[in-house]
Amino acid sequence: MADPRGDEFDPTTPDRREIGREMVDDNSGLGSVMAHAYRGEIDRVGTWRQRLDQTTTWAVTVLAAILTWAFSSDGNPHYILLVGVVVVTIFLGVEARRYRDYDLFRSRVRLLQQNLFANVLDPSEGVGVTSGGWN
């Protein structure tokens, strides 16, 4: 997103990196708002992760049922395996779309953790510190 001067937003510039310190020094309640926003993003990440897990579970279950039925008797048609491939492909497409959304929400949480809360909790380390298990 561009600012009014037409320049691109650069989060690595020193004036843009100090939002965490300003949030602690300011008594406007921004810290509380950001904490609630962070909780909301964490919940959203958890919901999307659960949806990914459900899609994978359904794909494995459906494929296992199709394989079991197709090979259970000589009289069962084996073209049903092609139906299984189509079903797994559909599940793969759904999972890919869901993963894109999950990755978006996960990256937002990561941005808050690295550039806001890390600076609030330990301003001496600076913004975007990758040590200590943040990555």
Protein backbone atom coordinates (compact mmCIF):
# COMPACT_ATOMS: atom_id res chain seq x y z
CA MET A 1 0.00 0.00 0.00
CA ALA A 2 1.41 3.40 -0.93
CA ASP A 3 1.53 6.43 1.30
CA PRO A 4 0.36 9.88 0.03
CA ARG A 5 3.77 10.87 -1.35
CA GLY A 6 3.66 7.95 -3.76
CA ASP A 7 6.51 6.03 -2.06
CA GLU A 8 6.11 2.40 -1.16
CA PHE A 9 5.73 1.58 2.54
CA ASP A 10 9.03 0.26 3.88
CA PRO A 11 8.62 -1.41 7.30
CA THR A 12 12.41 -1.59 7.76
CA THR A 13 12.90 2.17 8.07
CA PRO A 14 13.64 3.30 11.63
CA ASP A 15 10.56 5.53 11.94
CA ARG A 16 8.27 2.67 10.89
CA ARG A 17 9.88 0.13 13.21
CA GLU A 18 9.15 1.92 16.48
CA ILE A 19 5.38 1.33 16.69
CA GLY A 20 5.80 -1.13 19.54
CA ARG A 21 7.69 1.34 21.68
CA GLU A 22 5.14 4.06 20.91
CA MET A 23 2.33 1.70 21.86
CA VAL A 24 3.82 1.13 25.33
CA ASP A 25 4.53 4.82 25.94
CA ASP A 26 1.07 5.93 24.81
CA ASN A 27 -1.91 5.63 27.20
CA SER A 28 -4.54 5.67 24.45
CA GLY A 29 -5.50 2.03 24.82
CA LEU A 30 -3.84 0.96 21.59
CA GLY A 31 -2.12 -1.88 23.46
CA SER A 32 -5.46 -3.35 24.48
CA VAL A 33 -6.84 -3.01 20.96
CA MET A 34 -3.76 -4.70 19.49
CA ALA A 35 -3.98 -7.51 22.05
CA HIS A 36 -7.57 -8.21 21.02
CA ALA A 37 -6.65 -8.00 17.33
CA TYR A 38 -3.83 -10.47 17.95
CA ARG A 39 -6.17 -12.86 19.76
CA GLY A 40 -8.58 -12.65 16.84
CA GLU A 41 -5.85 -13.41 14.32
CA ILE A 42 -4.62 -16.37 16.41
CA ASP A 43 -8.17 -17.74 16.53
CA ARG A 44 -8.50 -17.30 12.78
CA VAL A 45 -5.22 -19.17 12.20
CA GLY A 46 -6.47 -22.00 14.43
CA THR A 47 -9.77 -22.19 12.56
CA TRP A 48 -8.06 -22.35 9.17
CA ARG A 49 -5.60 -24.97 10.43
CA GLN A 50 -8.53 -27.08 11.62
CA ARG A 51 -10.19 -26.73 8.19
CA LEU A 52 -6.97 -27.92 6.54
CA ASP A 53 -6.87 -30.93 8.84
CA GLN A 54 -10.50 -31.78 8.03
CA THR A 55 -9.88 -31.64 4.28
CA THR A 56 -6.91 -33.98 4.59
CA THR A 57 -8.90 -36.37 6.80
CA TRP A 58 -11.77 -36.52 4.31
CA ALA A 59 -9.41 -37.10 1.37
CA VAL A 60 -7.67 -39.99 3.11
CA THR A 61 -10.96 -41.52 4.31
CA VAL A 62 -12.64 -41.33 0.91
CA LEU A 63 -9.62 -42.76 -0.89
CA ALA A 64 -9.29 -45.59 1.65
CA ALA A 65 -12.98 -46.46 1.22
CA ILE A 66 -12.71 -46.45 -2.59
CA LEU A 67 -9.57 -48.60 -2.58
CA THR A 68 -11.07 -51.03 -0.09
CA TRP A 69 -14.25 -51.41 -2.08
CA ALA A 70 -12.50 -51.61 -5.48
CA PHE A 71 -10.15 -54.41 -4.41
CA SER A 72 -12.56 -56.28 -2.12
CA SER A 73 -14.01 -58.44 -4.90
CA ASP A 74 -13.21 -59.41 -8.47
CA GLY A 75 -16.69 -58.33 -9.53
CA ASN A 76 -16.21 -54.72 -8.51
CA PRO A 77 -15.27 -52.41 -11.39
CA HIS A 78 -11.81 -50.97 -11.16
CA TYR A 79 -12.70 -47.79 -13.03
CA ILE A 80 -13.86 -46.60 -9.62
CA LEU A 81 -10.16 -45.90 -8.98
CA LEU A 82 -10.38 -43.12 -11.57
CA VAL A 83 -13.28 -41.68 -9.60
CA GLY A 84 -11.01 -41.79 -6.55
CA VAL A 85 -8.30 -39.88 -8.40
CA VAL A 86 -10.84 -37.20 -9.37
CA VAL A 87 -12.12 -36.93 -5.79
CA VAL A 88 -8.59 -36.62 -4.38
CA THR A 89 -7.81 -33.96 -7.01
CA ILE A 90 -10.86 -31.98 -5.90
CA PHE A 91 -9.79 -32.27 -2.27
CA LEU A 92 -6.30 -31.14 -3.26
CA GLY A 93 -7.73 -28.04 -4.96
CA VAL A 94 -9.83 -27.22 -1.90
CA GLU A 95 -6.83 -27.71 0.37
CA ALA A 96 -4.62 -25.50 -1.81
CA ARG A 97 -7.17 -22.69 -1.65
CA ARG A 98 -7.52 -23.09 2.11
CA TYR A 99 -3.75 -23.14 2.57
CA ARG A 100 -3.43 -19.80 0.77
CA ASP A 101 -5.89 -18.27 3.24
CA TYR A 102 -4.20 -19.97 6.19
CA ASP A 103 -0.80 -18.67 5.08
CA LEU A 104 -2.17 -15.13 4.81
CA PHE A 105 -3.51 -15.16 8.37
CA ARG A 106 -0.38 -16.91 9.67
CA SER A 107 1.83 -14.23 8.11
CA ARG A 108 -0.25 -11.48 9.73
CA VAL A 109 0.25 -13.05 13.14
CA ARG A 110 3.95 -13.45 12.42
CA LEU A 111 4.18 -9.77 11.47
CA LEU A 112 2.55 -8.76 14.76
CA GLN A 113 4.85 -11.06 16.73
CA GLN A 114 8.07 -9.89 15.09
CA ASN A 115 7.45 -6.20 14.60
CA LEU A 116 5.11 -5.24 17.42
CA PHE A 117 5.09 -7.55 20.40
CA ALA A 118 8.80 -8.36 20.27
CA ASN A 119 9.56 -4.64 20.45
CA VAL A 120 7.04 -4.12 23.24
CA LEU A 121 8.41 -6.95 25.37
CA ASP A 122 12.10 -6.22 24.80
CA PRO A 123 12.79 -2.88 23.07
CA SER A 124 16.55 -3.31 23.45
CA GLU A 125 16.62 -6.11 20.88
CA GLY A 126 14.98 -4.13 18.07
CA VAL A 127 12.41 -5.23 15.55
CA GLY A 128 12.42 -8.44 13.54
CA VAL A 129 14.74 -10.42 15.79
CA THR A 130 14.87 -14.02 14.59
CA SER A 131 16.58 -15.65 17.56
CA GLY A 132 14.79 -17.26 20.46
CA GLY A 133 12.33 -19.38 18.51
CA TRP A 134 10.41 -16.61 16.75
CA ASN A 135 10.96 -18.17 13.31
